[in-house]
Amino acid sequence: MNIVGLARAGRLAAVVGLVVAAGAGLAACGSDADSKGTEETFVGADKVCGGLFDASLAKKVEAVTTDSEFFYQSDEGLKAVVEALTDGYESGRSWATGKALCELSPKGGGAGDGAAVKFSMYAPQDVKDSRTDPGTVSYTMGKRSEARATGASLYLECVSPRLKGSEAQPLRIYGSFSVGESDAPDAPETRDANLEILHTGALSVVKELGCENDAGLPATPDLTPK
């Protein structure tokens, strides 16, 4: 091979070397990004739903759901709930469907395995309905509150400057926390934790709506049984 040929071969080898090195670097970066993305996809209960649950309550969320990692969800649920409740109230209907504030989908779970905190507008007669699920315990918080091994429910009334006419006809808010598959025991501690979880979600909703006196909700949950 002549000198020119050797020079060209050398340059070609150098180019190939740079391409291979760059490819390896990109692959490594991609691997790190994928790893980081996977880590951020599933989080503990203290980081799900925009950090709705503080460290202490997050442990109770993990206890009642018997899961410790959940699919990451932002705090967009609060905006969706408030819009749904406002639209429902302004529609003039006696009740309206709502939205989920926080969906707790466990890592490796299937359909029906997750838990959720949801809110909607209830009809006046709903709060007087005496039918309850087996194992349900009634509490004194709100217009009506109940808890069971698989969740909790809460009825509130909201008067807010954001809701025209609510002084005469308050917005009726129904909140629920439901657990899908769980091995948590049917015990007072489980029921109380379920109601605490729902209380935290409800408090964030009524504050965002600007409800007077936080719709009657105390700053800390009242877990006094009736």
Protein backbone atom coordinates (compact mmCIF):
# COMPACT_ATOMS: atom_id res chain seq x y z
CA MET A 1 0.00 0.00 0.00
CA ASN A 2 1.40 3.47 -0.85
CA ILE A 3 1.79 6.36 1.58
CA VAL A 4 -1.49 8.01 0.49
CA GLY A 5 -3.35 4.78 1.00
CA LEU A 6 -1.89 4.36 4.46
CA ALA A 7 -2.90 7.92 5.38
CA ARG A 8 -6.47 7.36 4.20
CA ALA A 9 -6.66 4.08 6.11
CA GLY A 10 -5.44 5.82 9.24
CA ARG A 11 -8.03 8.58 8.96
CA LEU A 12 -10.79 6.01 8.37
CA ALA A 13 -9.76 4.04 11.43
CA ALA A 14 -9.78 7.22 13.52
CA VAL A 15 -13.29 8.14 12.29
CA VAL A 16 -14.63 4.65 13.01
CA GLY A 17 -13.09 4.82 16.48
CA LEU A 18 -14.81 8.13 17.21
CA VAL A 19 -18.19 6.81 16.00
CA VAL A 20 -17.92 3.70 18.16
CA ALA A 21 -16.89 5.74 21.20
CA ALA A 22 -19.73 8.20 20.68
CA GLY A 23 -22.20 5.36 20.28
CA ALA A 24 -21.00 3.76 23.49
CA GLY A 25 -21.32 7.09 25.29
CA LEU A 26 -24.88 7.60 24.02
CA ALA A 27 -25.81 4.08 24.97
CA ALA A 28 -24.47 4.67 28.47
CA CYS A 29 -26.36 7.95 28.76
CA GLY A 30 -29.51 6.28 27.49
CA SER A 31 -29.11 3.52 30.01
CA ASP A 32 -28.75 6.05 32.82
CA ALA A 33 -31.80 7.97 31.59
CA ASP A 34 -33.84 4.80 31.33
CA SER A 35 -32.76 3.79 34.81
CA LYS A 36 -33.62 7.22 36.18
CA GLY A 37 -36.96 7.18 34.38
CA THR A 38 -37.82 3.79 35.85
CA GLU A 39 -36.91 4.98 39.32
CA GLU A 40 -39.16 8.02 38.96
CA THR A 41 -42.08 6.06 37.52
CA PHE A 42 -42.76 4.35 40.84
CA VAL A 43 -42.57 6.21 44.13
CA GLY A 44 -43.46 5.82 47.78
CA ALA A 45 -46.77 7.06 49.16
CA ASP A 46 -45.11 10.26 50.40
CA LYS A 47 -44.36 11.35 46.83
CA VAL A 48 -47.46 10.24 44.96
CA CYS A 49 -50.20 12.71 43.95
CA GLY A 50 -48.05 15.81 44.35
CA GLY A 51 -46.95 14.91 47.88
CA LEU A 52 -50.51 14.86 49.24
CA PHE A 53 -49.59 12.63 52.18
CA ASP A 54 -46.96 13.60 54.74
CA ALA A 55 -44.45 11.04 55.98
CA SER A 56 -46.59 9.85 58.88
CA LEU A 57 -49.77 9.44 56.82
CA ALA A 58 -47.82 7.91 53.92
CA LYS A 59 -46.91 5.01 56.20
CA LYS A 60 -50.61 4.50 56.91
CA VAL A 61 -51.39 4.61 53.18
CA GLU A 62 -48.83 1.86 52.63
CA ALA A 63 -50.23 -0.09 55.59
CA VAL A 64 -53.88 -0.08 54.46
CA THR A 65 -53.05 -0.76 50.81
CA THR A 66 -50.28 -3.25 51.76
CA ASP A 67 -48.14 -1.72 48.99
CA SER A 68 -45.06 0.48 49.20
CA GLU A 69 -44.50 1.58 45.58
CA PHE A 70 -47.07 3.31 43.40
CA PHE A 71 -47.19 4.68 39.87
CA TYR A 72 -46.18 8.33 40.01
CA GLN A 73 -49.03 10.82 39.71
CA SER A 74 -48.78 14.61 39.78
CA ASP A 75 -51.08 16.98 41.65
CA GLU A 76 -53.27 17.61 38.58
CA GLY A 77 -56.05 15.65 40.30
CA LEU A 78 -56.88 18.60 42.56
CA LYS A 79 -57.56 20.88 39.62
CA ALA A 80 -59.74 18.23 37.96
CA VAL A 81 -61.77 17.66 41.13
CA VAL A 82 -62.38 21.36 41.74
CA GLU A 83 -63.45 21.89 38.12
CA ALA A 84 -65.81 18.91 38.25
CA LEU A 85 -67.42 20.06 41.51
CA THR A 86 -67.75 23.64 40.27
CA ASP A 87 -69.27 22.53 36.96
CA GLY A 88 -71.63 20.16 38.78
CA TYR A 89 -72.82 22.89 41.11
CA GLU A 90 -73.31 25.42 38.33
CA SER A 91 -75.30 22.90 36.29
CA GLY A 92 -78.19 23.12 38.74
CA ARG A 93 -78.52 19.35 38.94
CA SER A 94 -79.06 17.65 42.30
CA TRP A 95 -75.95 15.51 41.86
CA ALA A 96 -72.98 15.26 39.53
CA THR A 97 -70.15 12.88 38.79
CA GLY A 98 -66.72 13.92 39.93
CA LYS A 99 -63.05 13.08 39.53
CA ALA A 100 -60.25 11.25 41.29
CA LEU A 101 -57.99 13.39 43.42
CA CYS A 102 -55.42 10.65 43.83
CA GLU A 103 -55.12 7.20 42.28
CA LEU A 104 -52.77 4.78 43.97
CA SER A 105 -51.80 2.17 41.40
CA PRO A 106 -49.31 -0.28 42.94
CA LYS A 107 -46.19 -1.49 41.19
CA GLY A 108 -46.89 -4.86 39.61
CA GLY A 109 -50.61 -4.56 40.29
CA GLY A 110 -53.46 -5.39 37.96
CA ALA A 111 -56.94 -4.02 37.37
CA GLY A 112 -58.78 -3.46 40.64
CA ASP A 113 -55.65 -3.65 42.77
CA GLY A 114 -55.27 0.08 43.32
CA ALA A 115 -56.80 2.54 45.75
CA ALA A 116 -58.28 5.97 45.04
CA VAL A 117 -59.50 9.16 46.69
CA LYS A 118 -62.43 10.60 44.74
CA PHE A 119 -64.93 13.44 45.03
CA SER A 120 -68.33 14.15 43.49
CA MET A 121 -71.52 16.09 44.23
CA TYR A 122 -74.15 14.11 46.14
CA ALA A 123 -77.94 14.45 46.04
CA PRO A 124 -79.68 15.70 49.24
CA GLN A 125 -81.24 12.32 49.99
CA ASP A 126 -77.91 10.48 49.81
CA VAL A 127 -76.72 11.75 53.17
CA LYS A 128 -79.84 10.31 54.80
CA ASP A 129 -79.49 6.85 53.25
CA SER A 130 -79.17 4.43 56.17
CA ARG A 131 -77.76 1.55 54.11
CA THR A 132 -74.14 0.72 54.84
CA ASP A 133 -71.67 -2.02 53.97
CA PRO A 134 -70.95 -4.72 56.55
CA GLY A 135 -68.31 -3.69 59.09
CA THR A 136 -68.96 0.03 58.57
CA VAL A 137 -68.51 2.37 61.53
CA SER A 138 -70.03 5.87 61.64
CA TYR A 139 -68.07 8.91 62.85
CA THR A 140 -69.00 12.44 63.89
CA MET A 141 -66.89 14.33 61.32
CA GLY A 142 -68.70 16.31 58.61
CA LYS A 143 -72.38 15.94 57.74
CA ARG A 144 -71.78 12.21 57.69
CA SER A 145 -68.66 10.08 57.79
CA GLU A 146 -68.02 6.36 57.78
CA ALA A 147 -65.10 3.98 57.57
CA ARG A 148 -64.58 0.29 56.97
CA ALA A 149 -61.66 -2.05 56.33
CA THR A 150 -61.78 -1.28 52.60
CA GLY A 151 -62.20 2.48 52.67
CA ALA A 152 -64.09 5.49 53.98
CA SER A 153 -66.71 8.06 52.97
CA LEU A 154 -67.37 11.67 53.92
CA TYR A 155 -70.22 14.12 53.23
CA LEU A 156 -69.65 17.88 53.42
CA GLU A 157 -71.38 21.15 52.58
CA CYS A 158 -69.40 24.07 51.14
CA VAL A 159 -70.26 27.77 51.05
CA SER A 160 -67.75 29.68 48.96
CA PRO A 161 -67.48 33.08 47.23
CA ARG A 162 -66.47 31.09 44.14
CA LEU A 163 -69.90 29.45 44.04
CA LYS A 164 -72.68 31.93 43.38
CA GLY A 165 -75.74 31.14 45.47
CA SER A 166 -73.95 28.75 47.81
CA GLU A 167 -74.93 30.87 50.83
CA ALA A 168 -78.49 29.69 50.31
CA GLN A 169 -77.70 26.35 48.65
CA PRO A 170 -74.29 24.96 49.63
CA LEU A 171 -72.30 22.69 47.36
CA ARG A 172 -72.72 19.11 48.57
CA ILE A 173 -69.40 17.26 48.43
CA TYR A 174 -69.09 13.50 48.68
CA GLY A 175 -65.61 12.10 49.22
CA SER A 176 -64.56 8.48 49.16
CA PHE A 177 -61.41 6.49 49.73
CA SER A 178 -61.58 2.96 48.37
CA VAL A 179 -59.01 0.19 48.56
CA GLY A 180 -58.89 -2.56 45.96
CA GLU A 181 -57.02 -5.69 46.93
CA SER A 182 -55.52 -5.44 50.42
CA ASP A 183 -54.51 -7.72 53.26
CA ALA A 184 -54.92 -5.02 55.90
CA PRO A 185 -56.83 -6.33 58.96
CA ASP A 186 -60.43 -5.34 59.64
CA ALA A 187 -59.55 -3.41 62.78
CA PRO A 188 -60.20 0.04 64.31
CA GLU A 189 -56.67 1.12 63.32
CA THR A 190 -57.39 0.33 59.67
CA ARG A 191 -60.72 2.15 59.69
CA ASP A 192 -59.24 5.20 61.39
CA ALA A 193 -56.35 5.31 58.91
CA ASN A 194 -58.77 5.13 55.97
CA LEU A 195 -60.73 8.09 57.31
CA GLU A 196 -57.51 10.03 57.98
CA ILE A 197 -56.43 9.50 54.38
CA LEU A 198 -59.78 10.74 53.09
CA HIS A 199 -59.75 13.71 55.47
CA THR A 200 -56.41 14.87 54.08
CA GLY A 201 -57.72 14.72 50.52
CA ALA A 202 -60.96 16.47 51.46
CA LEU A 203 -59.14 19.25 53.28
CA SER A 204 -57.07 20.01 50.18
CA VAL A 205 -60.25 20.17 48.07
CA VAL A 206 -62.26 22.47 50.37
CA LYS A 207 -59.29 24.81 50.80
CA GLU A 208 -58.87 25.03 47.02
CA LEU A 209 -62.59 25.76 46.65
CA GLY A 210 -62.37 28.46 49.31
CA CYS A 211 -65.08 26.87 51.46
CA GLU A 212 -65.96 28.86 54.56
CA ASN A 213 -64.62 27.24 57.75
CA ASP A 214 -63.12 24.52 55.51
CA ALA A 215 -66.63 23.10 55.06
CA GLY A 216 -66.65 22.18 58.75
CA LEU A 217 -63.56 20.00 58.53
CA PRO A 218 -61.15 20.20 61.47
CA ALA A 219 -57.45 20.72 60.81
CA THR A 220 -56.82 17.24 62.20
CA PRO A 221 -59.32 14.43 61.59
CA ASP A 222 -62.01 13.81 64.19
CA LEU A 223 -62.01 10.03 64.66
CA THR A 224 -64.78 9.93 67.24
CA PRO A 225 -67.23 7.08 66.48
CA LYS A 226 -70.94 7.78 66.84
